[in-house]
Protein backbone atom coordinates (compact mmCIF):
# COMPACT_ATOMS: atom_id res chain seq x y z
CA MET A 1 -45.85 45.20 27.60
CA LYS A 2 -47.74 48.18 26.24
CA LYS A 3 -45.68 50.71 24.28
CA ILE A 4 -46.09 54.44 23.92
CA ASP A 5 -44.45 56.65 21.36
CA ILE A 6 -42.85 60.09 21.34
CA ALA A 7 -46.03 61.71 20.00
CA GLN A 8 -47.96 60.46 23.04
CA ILE A 9 -45.30 61.76 25.38
CA LYS A 10 -45.39 65.14 23.61
CA ALA A 11 -49.18 65.12 23.96
CA GLY A 12 -48.81 64.72 27.74
CA VAL A 13 -50.09 61.16 28.13
CA LEU A 14 -47.75 60.61 31.09
CA ILE A 15 -48.90 63.67 33.03
CA ALA A 16 -51.22 62.64 35.84
CA LYS A 17 -54.43 64.62 36.28
CA PRO A 18 -54.92 66.72 39.40
CA GLN A 19 -56.81 64.87 42.12
CA ALA A 20 -59.56 66.47 44.17
CA VAL A 21 -58.94 66.38 47.92
CA THR A 22 -60.64 67.72 51.00
CA VAL A 23 -58.23 69.14 53.55
CA GLN A 24 -59.31 69.25 57.19
CA ILE A 25 -57.61 71.53 59.71
CA LYS A 26 -58.25 73.33 62.99
CA HIS A 27 -58.84 77.09 62.80
CA ASP A 28 -59.60 79.19 65.88
CA GLY A 29 -60.27 76.01 67.82
CA GLU A 30 -62.81 74.50 65.47
CA ASP A 31 -62.63 71.97 62.66
CA VAL A 32 -62.76 73.45 59.16
CA GLU A 33 -62.22 71.98 55.74
CA PHE A 34 -61.65 73.14 52.19
CA ASP A 35 -61.51 71.48 48.81
CA THR A 36 -58.58 71.80 46.45
CA PHE A 37 -56.63 69.76 43.93
CA ILE A 38 -53.26 68.11 44.29
CA LYS A 39 -51.08 67.71 41.23
CA PRO A 40 -49.16 64.41 41.39
CA TYR A 41 -45.39 64.81 41.42
CA SER A 42 -44.11 66.16 38.16
CA TYR A 43 -41.08 67.81 36.62
CA ASP A 44 -42.03 71.01 38.51
CA THR A 45 -41.77 69.13 41.80
CA ALA A 46 -38.32 67.78 40.91
CA VAL A 47 -37.18 71.30 39.98
CA ALA A 48 -38.48 72.67 43.31
CA LYS A 49 -36.54 70.02 45.21
CA LEU A 50 -33.33 70.65 43.24
CA ARG A 51 -33.63 74.43 43.57
CA ALA A 52 -34.07 74.14 47.33
CA PHE A 53 -31.08 71.82 47.54
CA GLY A 54 -28.94 74.21 45.46
CA GLU A 55 -29.97 77.16 47.62
CA GLN A 56 -29.44 75.09 50.78
CA LYS A 57 -32.93 75.68 52.11
CA GLU A 58 -35.89 73.49 52.90
CA ALA A 59 -37.84 72.10 49.96
CA LEU A 60 -41.30 71.87 51.51
CA ALA A 61 -42.61 75.25 50.34
CA GLY A 62 -41.51 74.46 46.78
CA ILE A 63 -43.15 71.04 46.85
CA LEU A 64 -46.39 72.53 48.21
CA ALA A 65 -46.29 75.29 45.58
CA ALA A 66 -45.70 72.73 42.81
CA SER A 67 -48.56 70.52 44.03
CA ILE A 68 -51.54 72.68 45.05
CA CYS A 69 -53.53 73.52 41.93
CA ASP A 70 -56.99 73.96 40.44
CA ALA A 71 -58.90 71.35 38.43
CA GLU A 72 -56.96 72.26 35.26
CA GLY A 73 -53.56 71.96 36.99
CA ASN A 74 -52.89 75.70 37.34
CA LEU A 75 -50.75 76.25 40.43
CA GLN A 76 -52.43 78.27 43.18
CA PHE A 77 -49.59 79.46 45.44
CA THR A 78 -46.02 80.66 45.22
CA GLU A 79 -43.30 79.50 47.61
CA ALA A 80 -43.32 82.96 49.19
CA GLN A 81 -47.10 82.82 49.79
CA ILE A 82 -46.77 79.42 51.41
CA ARG A 83 -43.98 80.59 53.71
CA GLN A 84 -45.91 83.73 54.68
CA LYS A 85 -49.53 82.54 54.82
CA PHE A 86 -49.50 78.85 55.83
CA ASP A 87 -49.46 77.84 59.48
CA GLN A 88 -48.16 74.49 60.74
CA ASN A 89 -51.62 72.84 60.74
CA LEU A 90 -52.25 73.76 57.11
CA THR A 91 -48.74 72.77 56.05
CA ASP A 92 -49.02 69.37 57.76
CA ALA A 93 -52.50 68.66 56.38
CA LEU A 94 -51.51 69.55 52.82
CA TRP A 95 -48.28 67.56 53.05
CA TYR A 96 -50.30 64.52 54.19
CA LYS A 97 -52.62 64.89 51.17
CA ILE A 98 -49.66 65.27 48.79
CA VAL A 99 -48.08 62.08 50.14
CA GLU A 100 -51.46 60.32 49.91
CA VAL A 101 -51.91 61.33 46.24
CA ASN A 102 -48.37 60.32 45.33
CA SER A 103 -48.17 57.03 47.21
CA LEU A 104 -50.19 55.33 44.43
CA GLY A 105 -52.15 53.07 46.75
CA LYS A 106 -49.13 51.95 48.78
CA THR A 107 -49.38 52.08 52.53
CA GLN A 108 -46.70 52.20 55.18
CA ASN A 109 -48.01 48.88 56.51
CA SER A 110 -47.39 47.11 53.20
CA ASN A 111 -44.87 44.37 53.87
CA PRO A 112 -43.07 42.35 51.25
CA LYS A 113 -44.21 38.74 51.12
CA ARG A 114 -42.02 36.42 53.11
CA ASN A 115 -41.28 32.79 52.54
CA SER A 116 -43.45 31.12 55.18
CA SER A 117 -41.18 28.07 55.41
CA VAL A 118 -38.25 30.19 56.62
CA LYS A 119 -38.71 31.64 60.11
CA SER A 120 -36.27 33.64 62.16
CA ARG A 121 -35.44 32.66 65.73
CA SER A 122 -37.61 35.52 67.05
CA GLN A 123 -40.56 34.32 64.96
CA ARG A 124 -40.15 30.76 66.33
CA VAL A 125 -39.96 32.02 69.95
CA LYS A 126 -43.01 34.23 69.42
CA ALA A 127 -44.94 31.35 67.90
CA SER A 128 -44.05 29.00 70.77
CA LYS A 129 -45.34 31.51 73.35
CA LYS A 130 -48.80 31.79 71.77
CA SER A 131 -51.65 29.85 73.27
CA LYS A 132 -53.65 27.32 71.28
CA THR A 133 -56.61 29.70 71.42
CA SER A 134 -54.73 32.50 69.70
CA HIS A 135 -53.72 30.12 66.89
CA THR A 136 -57.33 29.25 66.14
CA GLN A 137 -59.04 32.60 66.75
CA LYS A 138 -58.28 35.17 64.07
CA LEU A 139 -59.73 38.58 63.36
CA LYS A 140 -61.23 39.37 59.97
CA SER A 141 -57.96 41.12 59.12
CA GLY A 142 -56.10 37.85 59.63
CA GLN A 143 -54.25 38.95 62.78
CA HIS A 144 -54.10 36.61 65.74
CA MET A 145 -56.17 37.75 68.70
CA SER A 146 -53.08 37.81 70.95
CA GLU A 147 -51.42 40.31 68.61
CA ASN A 148 -54.23 42.84 68.87
CA THR A 149 -54.67 44.22 72.40
CA GLU A 150 -57.96 45.94 71.59
CA ALA A 151 -59.48 42.76 70.18
CA SER A 152 -58.16 40.51 72.98
CA THR A 153 -59.68 42.72 75.69
CA SER A 154 -63.08 43.16 74.05
CA VAL A 155 -66.07 40.91 74.62
CA GLU A 156 -66.73 38.60 71.68
CA GLU A 157 -70.25 38.43 70.30
């Protein structure tokens, strides 16, 4: 395991660099986009969450304010500006980008590996209902054709 020392921590080696993102939203009925930077979660983000909890108010404005920055990491908005100037579309789009930056490559569809020799009753019933064709025909993603409605209704080439 690699080790770091106190001097490296003091130098900021653990602080993640802001990541460039393009945010797409609807404005006056048309698609628009802008470029900004998202600062990965940091001490500032934790403070924003705790402050909101202590004041018994929502934490989203604080998280947005602690995350939206320029290329050098300088924050671009205050909580008050976010509450006053951001509409729902902008808030949702920025929140999505913040989650994307902080998920570190993980996806919601990531499943822990299961022991293939141990199957639940529902897995056995599901497997017994599949046709022989669906067992042999798989998509490139590895899903059985019978499990993907779009693929099972399309014409194969």
